[in-house]
Amino acid sequence: MKKIISTSKAPAPIGPYNQAILSGDTLYVSGQIPIDPNTGQLVKGDIFKETHQSMKNLAAILDEAGMNFENVVKTSIFLKDMHQFKQVNEAYASYFNADTAPARETVEVANLPKFVNVEISMIAVK
């Protein structure tokens, strides 16, 4: 059985999907882009700030499910430009303990929703 996880503290989906699905003890969090849920506007122009906004959106969804970044077992980062990897990695790393950080892949893509520079998705377990 699956449970829909939704919070107004993260951007509403921009398509036919949910912010997250809880199935058993596993939470599947949809990719988050740097939209400020308070304004509905994209955070643009600074990949460090864009990454932080995406992570804040993910944190809000994890919190709604009763979890936090310590529960995350896998992440996927999608970048418009791999040359921004260092800045993205620096912002991303501030949310995890290096000793217990999740598995991850980072890939460069041609385009992302709303033509943003970064999108991050996660899988977490209670």
PDB file of N, CA and C in Angstrom:
ATOM      1  N   MET A   1       0.838  -1.178   0.000  1.00  0.00           N
ATOM      2  CA  MET A   1       0.000   0.000   0.000  1.00  0.00           C
ATOM      3  C   MET A   1       0.882   1.239   0.000  1.00  0.00           C
ATOM      4  N   LYS A   2       0.463   2.248  -0.734  1.00  0.00           N
ATOM      5  CA  LYS A   2       1.247   3.477  -0.782  1.00  0.00           C
ATOM      6  C   LYS A   2       0.476   4.634  -0.181  1.00  0.00           C
ATOM      7  N   LYS A   3       1.246   5.556   0.402  1.00  0.00           N
ATOM      8  CA  LYS A   3       0.671   6.745   0.999  1.00  0.00           C
ATOM      9  C   LYS A   3       1.279   7.967   0.310  1.00  0.00           C
ATOM     10  N   ILE A   4       0.434   8.889  -0.111  1.00  0.00           N
ATOM     11  CA  ILE A   4       0.886  10.123  -0.743  1.00  0.00           C
ATOM     12  C   ILE A   4       1.390  11.069   0.345  1.00  0.00           C
ATOM     13  N   ILE A   5       2.591  11.614   0.151  1.00  0.00           N
ATOM     14  CA  ILE A   5       3.157  12.604   1.059  1.00  0.00           C
ATOM     15  C   ILE A   5       3.136  13.943   0.337  1.00  0.00           C
ATOM     16  N   SER A   6       2.547  14.940   0.978  1.00  0.00           N
ATOM     17  CA  SER A   6       2.419  16.263   0.372  1.00  0.00           C
ATOM     18  C   SER A   6       2.524  17.334   1.441  1.00  0.00           C
ATOM     19  N   THR A   7       3.236  18.417   1.109  1.00  0.00           N
ATOM     20  CA  THR A   7       3.362  19.534   2.028  1.00  0.00           C
ATOM     21  C   THR A   7       3.384  20.850   1.257  1.00  0.00           C
ATOM     22  N   SER A   8       2.809  21.866   1.848  1.00  0.00           N
ATOM     23  CA  SER A   8       2.843  23.201   1.241  1.00  0.00           C
ATOM     24  C   SER A   8       4.196  23.868   1.467  1.00  0.00           C
ATOM     25  N   LYS A   9       5.071  23.233   2.239  1.00  0.00           N
ATOM     26  CA  LYS A   9       6.400  23.784   2.509  1.00  0.00           C
ATOM     27  C   LYS A   9       7.409  23.434   1.421  1.00  0.00           C
ATOM     28  N   ALA A  10       6.934  22.732   0.388  1.00  0.00           N
ATOM     29  CA  ALA A  10       7.725  22.423  -0.808  1.00  0.00           C
ATOM     30  C   ALA A  10       6.852  22.757  -2.010  1.00  0.00           C
ATOM     31  N   PRO A  11       7.464  22.997  -3.168  1.00  0.00           N
ATOM     32  CA  PRO A  11       6.666  23.364  -4.337  1.00  0.00           C
ATOM     33  C   PRO A  11       5.663  22.272  -4.723  1.00  0.00           C
ATOM     34  N   ALA A  12       4.508  22.710  -5.184  1.00  0.00           N
ATOM     35  CA  ALA A  12       3.508  21.769  -5.694  1.00  0.00           C
ATOM     36  C   ALA A  12       4.045  21.135  -6.980  1.00  0.00           C
ATOM     37  N   PRO A  13       3.687  19.893  -7.238  1.00  0.00           N
ATOM     38  CA  PRO A  13       4.112  19.255  -8.484  1.00  0.00           C
ATOM     39  C   PRO A  13       3.666  20.061  -9.708  1.00  0.00           C
ATOM     40  N   ILE A  14       4.491  20.033 -10.748  1.00  0.00           N
ATOM     41  CA  ILE A  14       4.163  20.752 -11.986  1.00  0.00           C
ATOM     42  C   ILE A  14       3.738  19.779 -13.081  1.00  0.00           C
ATOM     43  N   GLY A  15       3.318  18.601 -12.668  1.00  0.00           N
ATOM     44  CA  GLY A  15       2.866  17.585 -13.613  1.00  0.00           C
ATOM     45  C   GLY A  15       2.090  16.514 -12.876  1.00  0.00           C
ATOM     46  N   PRO A  16       1.799  15.407 -13.549  1.00  0.00           N
ATOM     47  CA  PRO A  16       1.002  14.336 -12.941  1.00  0.00           C
ATOM     48  C   PRO A  16       1.852  13.413 -12.056  1.00  0.00           C
ATOM     49  N   TYR A  17       2.295  13.942 -10.936  1.00  0.00           N
ATOM     50  CA  TYR A  17       3.064  13.168  -9.974  1.00  0.00           C
ATOM     51  C   TYR A  17       2.863  13.781  -8.584  1.00  0.00           C
ATOM     52  N   ASN A  18       3.349  13.108  -7.556  1.00  0.00           N
ATOM     53  CA  ASN A  18       3.263  13.596  -6.180  1.00  0.00           C
ATOM     54  C   ASN A  18       4.649  13.953  -5.681  1.00  0.00           C
ATOM     55  N   GLN A  19       4.696  14.755  -4.613  1.00  0.00           N
ATOM     56  CA  GLN A  19       5.978  15.128  -4.031  1.00  0.00           C
ATOM     57  C   GLN A  19       6.733  13.891  -3.556  1.00  0.00           C
ATOM     58  N   ALA A  20       6.009  12.966  -2.953  1.00  0.00           N
ATOM     59  CA  ALA A  20       6.639  11.734  -2.471  1.00  0.00           C
ATOM     60  C   ALA A  20       5.588  10.659  -2.265  1.00  0.00           C
ATOM     61  N   ILE A  21       6.065   9.427  -2.279  1.00  0.00           N
ATOM     62  CA  ILE A  21       5.230   8.253  -2.012  1.00  0.00           C
ATOM     63  C   ILE A  21       5.915   7.433  -0.928  1.00  0.00           C
ATOM     64  N   LEU A  22       5.166   7.127   0.127  1.00  0.00           N
ATOM     65  CA  LEU A  22       5.656   6.242   1.175  1.00  0.00           C
ATOM     66  C   LEU A  22       5.069   4.864   0.926  1.00  0.00           C
ATOM     67  N   SER A  23       5.945   3.884   0.747  1.00  0.00           N
ATOM     68  CA  SER A  23       5.530   2.505   0.542  1.00  0.00           C
ATOM     69  C   SER A  23       6.229   1.665   1.601  1.00  0.00           C
ATOM     70  N   GLY A  24       5.446   1.188   2.565  1.00  0.00           N
ATOM     71  CA  GLY A  24       6.061   0.500   3.702  1.00  0.00           C
ATOM     72  C   GLY A  24       6.901   1.501   4.473  1.00  0.00           C
ATOM     73  N   ASP A  25       8.168   1.177   4.662  1.00  0.00           N
ATOM     74  CA  ASP A  25       9.098   2.069   5.362  1.00  0.00           C
ATOM     75  C   ASP A  25       9.958   2.882   4.404  1.00  0.00           C
ATOM     76  N   THR A  26       9.682   2.787   3.091  1.00  0.00           N
ATOM     77  CA  THR A  26      10.517   3.456   2.090  1.00  0.00           C
ATOM     78  C   THR A  26       9.793   4.650   1.496  1.00  0.00           C
ATOM     79  N   LEU A  27      10.490   5.780   1.477  1.00  0.00           N
ATOM     80  CA  LEU A  27       9.961   7.021   0.926  1.00  0.00           C
ATOM     81  C   LEU A  27      10.678   7.330  -0.384  1.00  0.00           C
ATOM     82  N   TYR A  28       9.903   7.504  -1.430  1.00  0.00           N
ATOM     83  CA  TYR A  28      10.426   7.862  -2.746  1.00  0.00           C
ATOM     84  C   TYR A  28      10.063   9.325  -2.997  1.00  0.00           C
ATOM     85  N   VAL A  29      11.075  10.186  -3.017  1.00  0.00           N
ATOM     86  CA  VAL A  29      10.841  11.626  -3.141  1.00  0.00           C
ATOM     87  C   VAL A  29      11.122  12.057  -4.574  1.00  0.00           C
ATOM     88  N   SER A  30      10.131  12.699  -5.179  1.00  0.00           N
ATOM     89  CA  SER A  30      10.287  13.200  -6.542  1.00  0.00           C
ATOM     90  C   SER A  30      11.379  14.260  -6.605  1.00  0.00           C
ATOM     91  N   GLY A  31      11.965  14.404  -7.775  1.00  0.00           N
ATOM     92  CA  GLY A  31      13.001  15.401  -7.974  1.00  0.00           C
ATOM     93  C   GLY A  31      12.512  16.796  -7.617  1.00  0.00           C
ATOM     94  N   GLN A  32      13.344  17.521  -6.895  1.00  0.00           N
ATOM     95  CA  GLN A  32      13.015  18.882  -6.487  1.00  0.00           C
ATOM     96  C   GLN A  32      13.943  19.860  -7.202  1.00  0.00           C
ATOM     97  N   ILE A  33      13.326  20.880  -7.743  1.00  0.00           N
ATOM     98  CA  ILE A  33      14.066  21.945  -8.405  1.00  0.00           C
ATOM     99  C   ILE A  33      14.025  23.181  -7.513  1.00  0.00           C
ATOM    100  N   PRO A  34      14.835  24.186  -7.790  1.00  0.00           N
ATOM    101  CA  PRO A  34      14.932  25.333  -6.889  1.00  0.00           C
ATOM    102  C   PRO A  34      13.784  26.343  -6.999  1.00  0.00           C
ATOM    103  N   ILE A  35      12.601  25.892  -6.646  1.00  0.00           N
ATOM    104  CA  ILE A  35      11.445  26.788  -6.564  1.00  0.00           C
ATOM    105  C   ILE A  35      11.222  27.117  -5.098  1.00  0.00           C
ATOM    106  N   ASP A  36      11.107  28.391  -4.791  1.00  0.00           N
ATOM    107  CA  ASP A  36      10.790  28.825  -3.433  1.00  0.00           C
ATOM    108  C   ASP A  36       9.290  28.612  -3.227  1.00  0.00           C
ATOM    109  N   PRO A  37       8.885  27.715  -2.325  1.00  0.00           N
ATOM    110  CA  PRO A  37       7.459  27.430  -2.161  1.00  0.00           C
ATOM    111  C   PRO A  37       6.659  28.611  -1.611  1.00  0.00           C
ATOM    112  N   ASN A  38       7.335  29.559  -0.969  1.00  0.00           N
ATOM    113  CA  ASN A  38       6.648  30.736  -0.425  1.00  0.00           C
ATOM    114  C   ASN A  38       6.238  31.719  -1.510  1.00  0.00           C
ATOM    115  N   THR A  39       7.050  31.807  -2.575  1.00  0.00           N
ATOM    116  CA  THR A  39       6.778  32.773  -3.647  1.00  0.00           C
ATOM    117  C   THR A  39       6.365  32.115  -4.953  1.00  0.00           C
ATOM    118  N   GLY A  40       6.687  30.835  -5.099  1.00  0.00           N
ATOM    119  CA  GLY A  40       6.438  30.151  -6.360  1.00  0.00           C
ATOM    120  C   GLY A  40       7.446  30.512  -7.439  1.00  0.00           C
ATOM    121  N   GLN A  41       8.458  31.279  -7.064  1.00  0.00           N
ATOM    122  CA  GLN A  41       9.461  31.734  -8.031  1.00  0.00           C
ATOM    123  C   GLN A  41      10.699  30.844  -7.992  1.00  0.00           C
ATOM    124  N   LEU A  42      11.356  30.748  -9.149  1.00  0.00           N
ATOM    125  CA  LEU A  42      12.613  30.015  -9.223  1.00  0.00           C
ATOM    126  C   LEU A  42      13.723  30.816  -8.560  1.00  0.00           C
ATOM    127  N   VAL A  43      14.591  30.120  -7.850  1.00  0.00           N
ATOM    128  CA  VAL A  43      15.835  30.707  -7.365  1.00  0.00           C
ATOM    129  C   VAL A  43      16.821  30.521  -8.516  1.00  0.00           C
ATOM    130  N   LYS A  44      17.349  31.605  -9.050  1.00  0.00           N
ATOM    131  CA  LYS A  44      18.200  31.528 -10.244  1.00  0.00           C
ATOM    132  C   LYS A  44      19.474  32.337 -10.068  1.00  0.00           C
ATOM    133  N   GLY A  45      20.462  32.013 -10.905  1.00  0.00           N
ATOM    134  CA  GLY A  45      21.651  32.831 -11.020  1.00  0.00           C
ATOM    135  C   GLY A  45      22.833  32.421 -10.177  1.00  0.00           C
ATOM    136  N   ASP A  46      22.646  31.504  -9.230  1.00  0.00           N
ATOM    137  CA  ASP A  46      23.730  31.072  -8.354  1.00  0.00           C
ATOM    138  C   ASP A  46      23.494  29.602  -8.024  1.00  0.00           C
ATOM    139  N   ILE A  47      24.294  28.725  -8.607  1.00  0.00           N
ATOM    140  CA  ILE A  47      24.063  27.282  -8.462  1.00  0.00           C
ATOM    141  C   ILE A  47      24.135  26.842  -7.002  1.00  0.00           C
ATOM    142  N   PHE A  48      24.935  27.515  -6.186  1.00  0.00           N
ATOM    143  CA  PHE A  48      25.017  27.202  -4.765  1.00  0.00           C
ATOM    144  C   PHE A  48      23.664  27.447  -4.101  1.00  0.00           C
ATOM    145  N   LYS A  49      23.061  28.603  -4.346  1.00  0.00           N
ATOM    146  CA  LYS A  49      21.743  28.932  -3.790  1.00  0.00           C
ATOM    147  C   LYS A  49      20.657  28.040  -4.377  1.00  0.00           C
ATOM    148  N   GLU A  50      20.774  27.726  -5.660  1.00  0.00           N
ATOM    149  CA  GLU A  50      19.789  26.854  -6.319  1.00  0.00           C
ATOM    150  C   GLU A  50      19.801  25.466  -5.675  1.00  0.00           C
ATOM    151  N   THR A  51      20.992  24.954  -5.405  1.00  0.00           N
ATOM    152  CA  THR A  51      21.120  23.635  -4.775  1.00  0.00           C
ATOM    153  C   THR A  51      20.542  23.667  -3.363  1.00  0.00           C
ATOM    154  N   HIS A  52      20.862  24.721  -2.603  1.00  0.00           N
ATOM    155  CA  HIS A  52      20.299  24.840  -1.253  1.00  0.00           C
ATOM    156  C   HIS A  52      18.769  24.867  -1.289  1.00  0.00           C
ATOM    157  N   GLN A  53      18.180  25.573  -2.251  1.00  0.00           N
ATOM    158  CA  GLN A  53      16.710  25.617  -2.319  1.00  0.00           C
ATOM    159  C   GLN A  53      16.142  24.239  -2.622  1.00  0.00           C
ATOM    160  N   SER A  54      16.769  23.522  -3.531  1.00  0.00           N
ATOM    161  CA  SER A  54      16.318  22.159  -3.835  1.00  0.00           C
ATOM    162  C   SER A  54      16.403  21.284  -2.587  1.00  0.00           C
ATOM    163  N   MET A  55      17.491  21.414  -1.831  1.00  0.00           N
ATOM    164  CA  MET A  55      17.661  20.627  -0.606  1.00  0.00           C
ATOM    165  C   MET A  55      16.650  21.040   0.473  1.00  0.00           C
ATOM    166  N   LYS A  56      16.346  22.321   0.581  1.00  0.00           N
ATOM    167  CA  LYS A  56      15.325  22.775   1.531  1.00  0.00           C
ATOM    168  C   LYS A  56      13.962  22.181   1.178  1.00  0.00           C
ATOM    169  N   ASN A  57      13.669  22.112  -0.111  1.00  0.00           N
ATOM    170  CA  ASN A  57      12.406  21.512  -0.550  1.00  0.00           C
ATOM    171  C   ASN A  57      12.368  20.032  -0.176  1.00  0.00           C
ATOM    172  N   LEU A  58      13.479  19.351  -0.382  1.00  0.00           N
ATOM    173  CA  LEU A  58      13.557  17.938  -0.006  1.00  0.00           C
ATOM    174  C   LEU A  58      13.412  17.763   1.507  1.00  0.00           C
ATOM    175  N   ALA A  59      14.036  18.644   2.276  1.00  0.00           N
ATOM    176  CA  ALA A  59      13.943  18.575   3.737  1.00  0.00           C
ATOM    177  C   ALA A  59      12.499  18.707   4.193  1.00  0.00           C
ATOM    178  N   ALA A  60      11.743  19.598   3.565  1.00  0.00           N
ATOM    179  CA  ALA A  60      10.335  19.793   3.938  1.00  0.00           C
ATOM    180  C   ALA A  60       9.517  18.537   3.664  1.00  0.00           C
ATOM    181  N   ILE A  61       9.803  17.867   2.575  1.00  0.00           N
ATOM    182  CA  ILE A  61       9.077  16.642   2.230  1.00  0.00           C
ATOM    183  C   ILE A  61       9.465  15.514   3.191  1.00  0.00           C
ATOM    184  N   LEU A  62      10.764  15.387   3.459  1.00  0.00           N
ATOM    185  CA  LEU A  62      11.207  14.387   4.433  1.00  0.00           C
ATOM    186  C   LEU A  62      10.533  14.623   5.781  1.00  0.00           C
ATOM    187  N   ASP A  63      10.488  15.866   6.217  1.00  0.00           N
ATOM    188  CA  ASP A  63       9.884  16.214   7.495  1.00  0.00           C
ATOM    189  C   ASP A  63       8.399  15.833   7.524  1.00  0.00           C
ATOM    190  N   GLU A  64       7.706  16.086   6.443  1.00  0.00           N
ATOM    191  CA  GLU A  64       6.281  15.741   6.370  1.00  0.00           C
ATOM    192  C   GLU A  64       6.071  14.242   6.540  1.00  0.00           C
ATOM    193  N   ALA A  65       7.063  13.456   6.116  1.00  0.00           N
ATOM    194  CA  ALA A  65       6.989  11.998   6.242  1.00  0.00           C
ATOM    195  C   ALA A  65       7.569  11.509   7.569  1.00  0.00           C
ATOM    196  N   GLY A  66       7.984  12.443   8.445  1.00  0.00           N
ATOM    197  CA  GLY A  66       8.557  12.052   9.723  1.00  0.00           C
ATOM    198  C   GLY A  66       9.991  11.564   9.617  1.00  0.00           C
ATOM    199  N   MET A  67      10.701  12.059   8.616  1.00  0.00           N
ATOM    200  CA  MET A  67      12.087  11.652   8.393  1.00  0.00           C
ATOM    201  C   MET A  67      12.968  12.888   8.277  1.00  0.00           C
ATOM    202  N   ASN A  68      14.282  12.625   8.140  1.00  0.00           N
ATOM    203  CA  ASN A  68      15.248  13.696   7.896  1.00  0.00           C
ATOM    204  C   ASN A  68      16.361  13.142   7.016  1.00  0.00           C
ATOM    205  N   PHE A  69      17.403  13.930   6.808  1.00  0.00           N
ATOM    206  CA  PHE A  69      18.469  13.502   5.897  1.00  0.00           C
ATOM    207  C   PHE A  69      19.211  12.256   6.375  1.00  0.00           C
ATOM    208  N   GLU A  70      19.158  11.953   7.668  1.00  0.00           N
ATOM    209  CA  GLU A  70      19.790  10.717   8.161  1.00  0.00           C
ATOM    210  C   GLU A  70      19.070   9.474   7.633  1.00  0.00           C
ATOM    211  N   ASN A  71      17.813   9.614   7.225  1.00  0.00           N
ATOM    212  CA  ASN A  71      17.047   8.491   6.684  1.00  0.00           C
ATOM    213  C   ASN A  71      17.330   8.233   5.201  1.00  0.00           C
ATOM    214  N   VAL A  72      17.990   9.162   4.545  1.00  0.00           N
ATOM    215  CA  VAL A  72      18.201   9.064   3.100  1.00  0.00           C
ATOM    216  C   VAL A  72      19.258   8.013   2.784  1.00  0.00           C
ATOM    217  N   VAL A  73      18.895   7.092   1.877  1.00  0.00           N
ATOM    218  CA  VAL A  73      19.817   6.023   1.487  1.00  0.00           C
ATOM    219  C   VAL A  73      20.339   6.188   0.059  1.00  0.00           C
ATOM    220  N   LYS A  74      19.651   7.003  -0.745  1.00  0.00           N
ATOM    221  CA  LYS A  74      20.045   7.152  -2.159  1.00  0.00           C
ATOM    222  C   LYS A  74      19.577   8.504  -2.672  1.00  0.00           C
ATOM    223  N   THR A  75      20.443   9.188  -3.408  1.00  0.00           N
ATOM    224  CA  THR A  75      20.047  10.425  -4.069  1.00  0.00           C
ATOM    225  C   THR A  75      20.483  10.380  -5.522  1.00  0.00           C
ATOM    226  N   SER A  76      19.806  11.167  -6.308  1.00  0.00           N
ATOM    227  CA  SER A  76      20.177  11.373  -7.706  1.00  0.00           C
ATOM    228  C   SER A  76      20.217  12.873  -7.947  1.00  0.00           C
ATOM    229  N   ILE A  77      21.326  13.344  -8.498  1.00  0.00           N
ATOM    230  CA  ILE A  77      21.468  14.758  -8.824  1.00  0.00           C
ATOM    231  C   ILE A  77      21.583  14.880 -10.335  1.00  0.00           C
ATOM    232  N   PHE A  78      20.761  15.752 -10.888  1.00  0.00           N
ATOM    233  CA  PHE A  78      20.775  16.024 -12.321  1.00  0.00           C
ATOM    234  C   PHE A  78      21.245  17.458 -12.516  1.00  0.00           C
ATOM    235  N   LEU A  79      22.313  17.630 -13.295  1.00  0.00           N
ATOM    236  CA  LEU A  79      22.908  18.948 -13.512  1.00  0.00           C
ATOM    237  C   LEU A  79      22.840  19.343 -14.978  1.00  0.00           C
ATOM    238  N   LYS A  80      22.575  20.601 -15.205  1.00  0.00           N
ATOM    239  CA  LYS A  80      22.607  21.145 -16.563  1.00  0.00           C
ATOM    240  C   LYS A  80      24.052  21.251 -17.066  1.00  0.00           C
ATOM    241  N   ASP A  81      24.979  21.526 -16.138  1.00  0.00           N
ATOM    242  CA  ASP A  81      26.376  21.734 -16.511  1.00  0.00           C
ATOM    243  C   ASP A  81      27.279  21.087 -15.463  1.00  0.00           C
ATOM    244  N   MET A  82      27.981  20.042 -15.845  1.00  0.00           N
ATOM    245  CA  MET A  82      28.848  19.318 -14.916  1.00  0.00           C
ATOM    246  C   MET A  82      29.991  20.198 -14.396  1.00  0.00           C
ATOM    247  N   HIS A  83      30.255  21.305 -15.051  1.00  0.00           N
ATOM    248  CA  HIS A  83      31.273  22.233 -14.550  1.00  0.00           C
ATOM    249  C   HIS A  83      30.838  22.864 -13.219  1.00  0.00           C
ATOM    250  N   GLN A  84      29.569  22.743 -12.873  1.00  0.00           N
ATOM    251  CA  GLN A  84      29.061  23.281 -11.606  1.00  0.00           C
ATOM    252  C   GLN A  84      29.067  22.234 -10.494  1.00  0.00           C
ATOM    253  N   PHE A  85      29.630  21.075 -10.768  1.00  0.00           N
ATOM    254  CA  PHE A  85      29.645  19.967  -9.813  1.00  0.00           C
ATOM    255  C   PHE A  85      30.231  20.372  -8.470  1.00  0.00           C
ATOM    256  N   LYS A  86      31.349  21.066  -8.468  1.00  0.00           N
ATOM    257  CA  LYS A  86      32.026  21.426  -7.217  1.00  0.00           C
ATOM    258  C   LYS A  86      31.113  22.252  -6.306  1.00  0.00           C
ATOM    259  N   GLN A  87      30.449  23.272  -6.846  1.00  0.00           N
ATOM    260  CA  GLN A  87      29.565  24.118  -6.047  1.00  0.00           C
ATOM    261  C   GLN A  87      28.342  23.342  -5.567  1.00  0.00           C
ATOM    262  N   VAL A  88      27.779  22.528  -6.435  1.00  0.00           N
ATOM    263  CA  VAL A  88      26.619  21.707  -6.065  1.00  0.00           C
ATOM    264  C   VAL A  88      27.015  20.744  -4.953  1.00  0.00           C
ATOM    265  N   ASN A  89      28.151  20.102  -5.105  1.00  0.00           N
ATOM    266  CA  ASN A  89      28.618  19.142  -4.121  1.00  0.00           C
ATOM    267  C   ASN A  89      28.853  19.811  -2.765  1.00  0.00           C
ATOM    268  N   GLU A  90      29.387  21.021  -2.780  1.00  0.00           N
ATOM    269  CA  GLU A  90      29.631  21.758  -1.533  1.00  0.00           C
ATOM    270  C   GLU A  90      28.319  22.060  -0.809  1.00  0.00           C
ATOM    271  N   ALA A  91      27.323  22.540  -1.536  1.00  0.00           N
ATOM    272  CA  ALA A  91      26.021  22.833  -0.919  1.00  0.00           C
ATOM    273  C   ALA A  91      25.361  21.544  -0.433  1.00  0.00           C
ATOM    274  N   TYR A  92      25.342  20.524  -1.263  1.00  0.00           N
ATOM    275  CA  TYR A  92      24.737  19.228  -0.949  1.00  0.00           C
ATOM    276  C   TYR A  92      25.362  18.615   0.305  1.00  0.00           C
ATOM    277  N   ALA A  93      26.688  18.654   0.383  1.00  0.00           N
ATOM    278  CA  ALA A  93      27.412  18.021   1.490  1.00  0.00           C
ATOM    279  C   ALA A  93      27.046  18.608   2.841  1.00  0.00           C
ATOM    280  N   SER A  94      26.606  19.859   2.872  1.00  0.00           N
ATOM    281  CA  SER A  94      26.282  20.499   4.146  1.00  0.00           C
ATOM    282  C   SER A  94      25.041  19.898   4.815  1.00  0.00           C
ATOM    283  N   TYR A  95      24.317  19.045   4.110  1.00  0.00           N
ATOM    284  CA  TYR A  95      23.102  18.430   4.652  1.00  0.00           C
ATOM    285  C   TYR A  95      23.337  17.015   5.190  1.00  0.00           C
ATOM    286  N   PHE A  96      24.539  16.484   4.999  1.00  0.00           N
ATOM    287  CA  PHE A  96      24.818  15.104   5.388  1.00  0.00           C
ATOM    288  C   PHE A  96      26.074  14.995   6.235  1.00  0.00           C
ATOM    289  N   ASN A  97      26.092  13.962   7.075  1.00  0.00           N
ATOM    290  CA  ASN A  97      27.302  13.577   7.785  1.00  0.00           C
ATOM    291  C   ASN A  97      28.120  12.746   6.799  1.00  0.00           C
ATOM    292  N   ALA A  98      29.362  13.092   6.597  1.00  0.00           N
ATOM    293  CA  ALA A  98      30.199  12.401   5.605  1.00  0.00           C
ATOM    294  C   ALA A  98      30.282  10.897   5.870  1.00  0.00           C
ATOM    295  N   ASP A  99      30.259  10.487   7.139  1.00  0.00           N
ATOM    296  CA  ASP A  99      30.383   9.070   7.481  1.00  0.00           C
ATOM    297  C   ASP A  99      29.131   8.262   7.172  1.00  0.00           C
ATOM    298  N   THR A 100      27.966   8.930   7.114  1.00  0.00           N
ATOM    299  CA  THR A 100      26.709   8.206   6.887  1.00  0.00           C
ATOM    300  C   THR A 100      25.973   8.713   5.649  1.00  0.00           C
ATOM    301  N   ALA A 101      26.680   9.429   4.782  1.00  0.00           N
ATOM    302  CA  ALA A 101      26.062   9.983   3.570  1.00  0.00           C
ATOM    303  C   ALA A 101      25.482   8.863   2.702  1.00  0.00           C
ATOM    304  N   PRO A 102      24.401   9.167   1.971  1.00  0.00           N
ATOM    305  CA  PRO A 102      23.760   8.140   1.148  1.00  0.00           C
ATOM    306  C   PRO A 102      24.558   7.817  -0.116  1.00  0.00           C
ATOM    307  N   ALA A 103      24.155   6.745  -0.770  1.00  0.00           N
ATOM    308  CA  ALA A 103      24.665   6.445  -2.107  1.00  0.00           C
ATOM    309  C   ALA A 103      24.146   7.538  -3.040  1.00  0.00           C
ATOM    310  N   ARG A 104      24.853   7.773  -4.164  1.00  0.00           N
ATOM    311  CA  ARG A 104      24.449   8.880  -5.027  1.00  0.00           C
ATOM    312  C   ARG A 104      25.020   8.705  -6.423  1.00  0.00           C
ATOM    313  N   GLU A 105      24.276   9.255  -7.390  1.00  0.00           N
ATOM    314  CA  GLU A 105      24.854   9.464  -8.710  1.00  0.00           C
ATOM    315  C   GLU A 105      24.573  10.902  -9.105  1.00  0.00           C
ATOM    316  N   THR A 106      25.457  11.454  -9.907  1.00  0.00           N
ATOM    317  CA  THR A 106      25.282  12.804 -10.433  1.00  0.00           C
ATOM    318  C   THR A 106      25.486  12.718 -11.937  1.00  0.00           C
ATOM    319  N   VAL A 107      24.508  13.195 -12.692  1.00  0.00           N
ATOM    320  CA  VAL A 107      24.606  13.128 -14.143  1.00  0.00           C
ATOM    321  C   VAL A 107      24.294  14.491 -14.765  1.00  0.00           C
ATOM    322  N   GLU A 108      24.961  14.747 -15.866  1.00  0.00           N
ATOM    323  CA  GLU A 108      24.666  15.953 -16.635  1.00  0.00           C
ATOM    324  C   GLU A 108      23.566  15.627 -17.635  1.00  0.00           C
ATOM    325  N   VAL A 109      22.615  16.542 -17.757  1.00  0.00           N
ATOM    326  CA  VAL A 109      21.485  16.341 -18.663  1.00  0.00           C
ATOM    327  C   VAL A 109      21.354  17.542 -19.595  1.00  0.00           C
ATOM    328  N   ALA A 110      20.659  17.342 -20.707  1.00  0.00           N
ATOM    329  CA  ALA A 110      20.489  18.427 -21.677  1.00  0.00           C
ATOM    330  C   ALA A 110      19.591  19.536 -21.137  1.00  0.00           C
ATOM    331  N   ASN A 111      18.479  19.153 -20.520  1.00  0.00           N
ATOM    332  CA  ASN A 111      17.543  20.131 -19.964  1.00  0.00           C
ATOM    333  C   ASN A 111      16.814  19.529 -18.781  1.00  0.00           C
ATOM    334  N   LEU A 112      16.301  20.411 -17.933  1.00  0.00           N
ATOM    335  CA  LEU A 112      15.512  20.020 -16.769  1.00  0.00           C
ATOM    336  C   LEU A 112      14.218  20.814 -16.778  1.00  0.00           C
ATOM    337  N   PRO A 113      13.225  20.409 -15.959  1.00  0.00           N
ATOM    338  CA  PRO A 113      11.976  21.169 -15.914  1.00  0.00           C
ATOM    339  C   PRO A 113      12.233  22.656 -15.645  1.00  0.00           C
ATOM    340  N   LYS A 114      11.495  23.493 -16.348  1.00  0.00           N
ATOM    341  CA  LYS A 114      11.613  24.949 -16.231  1.00  0.00           C
ATOM    342  C   LYS A 114      13.016  25.441 -16.568  1.00  0.00           C
ATOM    343  N   PHE A 115      13.813  24.566 -17.205  1.00  0.00           N
ATOM    344  CA  PHE A 115      15.176  24.886 -17.644  1.00  0.00           C
ATOM    345  C   PHE A 115      16.077  25.303 -16.493  1.00  0.00           C
ATOM    346  N   VAL A 116      15.865  24.681 -15.311  1.00  0.00           N
ATOM    347  CA  VAL A 116      16.702  24.957 -14.148  1.00  0.00           C
ATOM    348  C   VAL A 116      18.067  24.301 -14.324  1.00  0.00           C
ATOM    349  N   ASN A 117      18.967  24.594 -13.397  1.00  0.00           N
ATOM    350  CA  ASN A 117      20.326  24.058 -13.463  1.00  0.00           C
ATOM    351  C   ASN A 117      20.535  22.789 -12.644  1.00  0.00           C
ATOM    352  N   VAL A 118      19.616  22.531 -11.684  1.00  0.00           N
ATOM    353  CA  VAL A 118      19.803  21.369 -10.812  1.00  0.00           C
ATOM    354  C   VAL A 118      18.445  20.810 -10.402  1.00  0.00           C
ATOM    355  N   GLU A 119      18.384  19.487 -10.287  1.00  0.00           N
ATOM    356  CA  GLU A 119      17.233  18.771  -9.750  1.00  0.00           C
ATOM    357  C   GLU A 119      17.779  17.608  -8.927  1.00  0.00           C
ATOM    358  N   ILE A 120      17.168  17.380  -7.745  1.00  0.00           N
ATOM    359  CA  ILE A 120      17.649  16.327  -6.855  1.00  0.00           C
ATOM    360  C   ILE A 120      16.464  15.492  -6.387  1.00  0.00           C
ATOM    361  N   SER A 121      16.608  14.170  -6.459  1.00  0.00           N
ATOM    362  CA  SER A 121      15.578  13.258  -5.937  1.00  0.00           C
ATOM    363  C   SER A 121      16.230  12.372  -4.874  1.00  0.00           C
ATOM    364  N   MET A 122      15.377  11.739  -4.054  1.00  0.00           N
ATOM    365  CA  MET A 122      15.892  10.923  -2.944  1.00  0.00           C
ATOM    366  C   MET A 122      15.029   9.705  -2.675  1.00  0.00           C
ATOM    367  N   ILE A 123      15.657   8.736  -2.047  1.00  0.00           N
ATOM    368  CA  ILE A 123      14.974   7.586  -1.464  1.00  0.00           C
ATOM    369  C   ILE A 123      15.414   7.538  -0.009  1.00  0.00           C
ATOM    370  N   ALA A 124      14.447   7.417   0.901  1.00  0.00           N
ATOM    371  CA  ALA A 124      14.738   7.369   2.339  1.00  0.00           C
ATOM    372  C   ALA A 124      14.024   6.180   2.960  1.00  0.00           C
ATOM    373  N   VAL A 125      14.559   5.697   4.065  1.00  0.00           N
ATOM    374  CA  VAL A 125      13.989   4.542   4.754  1.00  0.00           C
ATOM    375  C   VAL A 125      13.884   4.864   6.246  1.00  0.00           C
ATOM    376  N   LYS A 126      12.715   4.508   6.837  1.00  0.00           N
ATOM    377  CA  LYS A 126      12.518   4.714   8.292  1.00  0.00           C
ATOM    378  C   LYS A 126      13.356   3.758   9.077  1.00  0.00           C
TER     379      LYS A 126
END
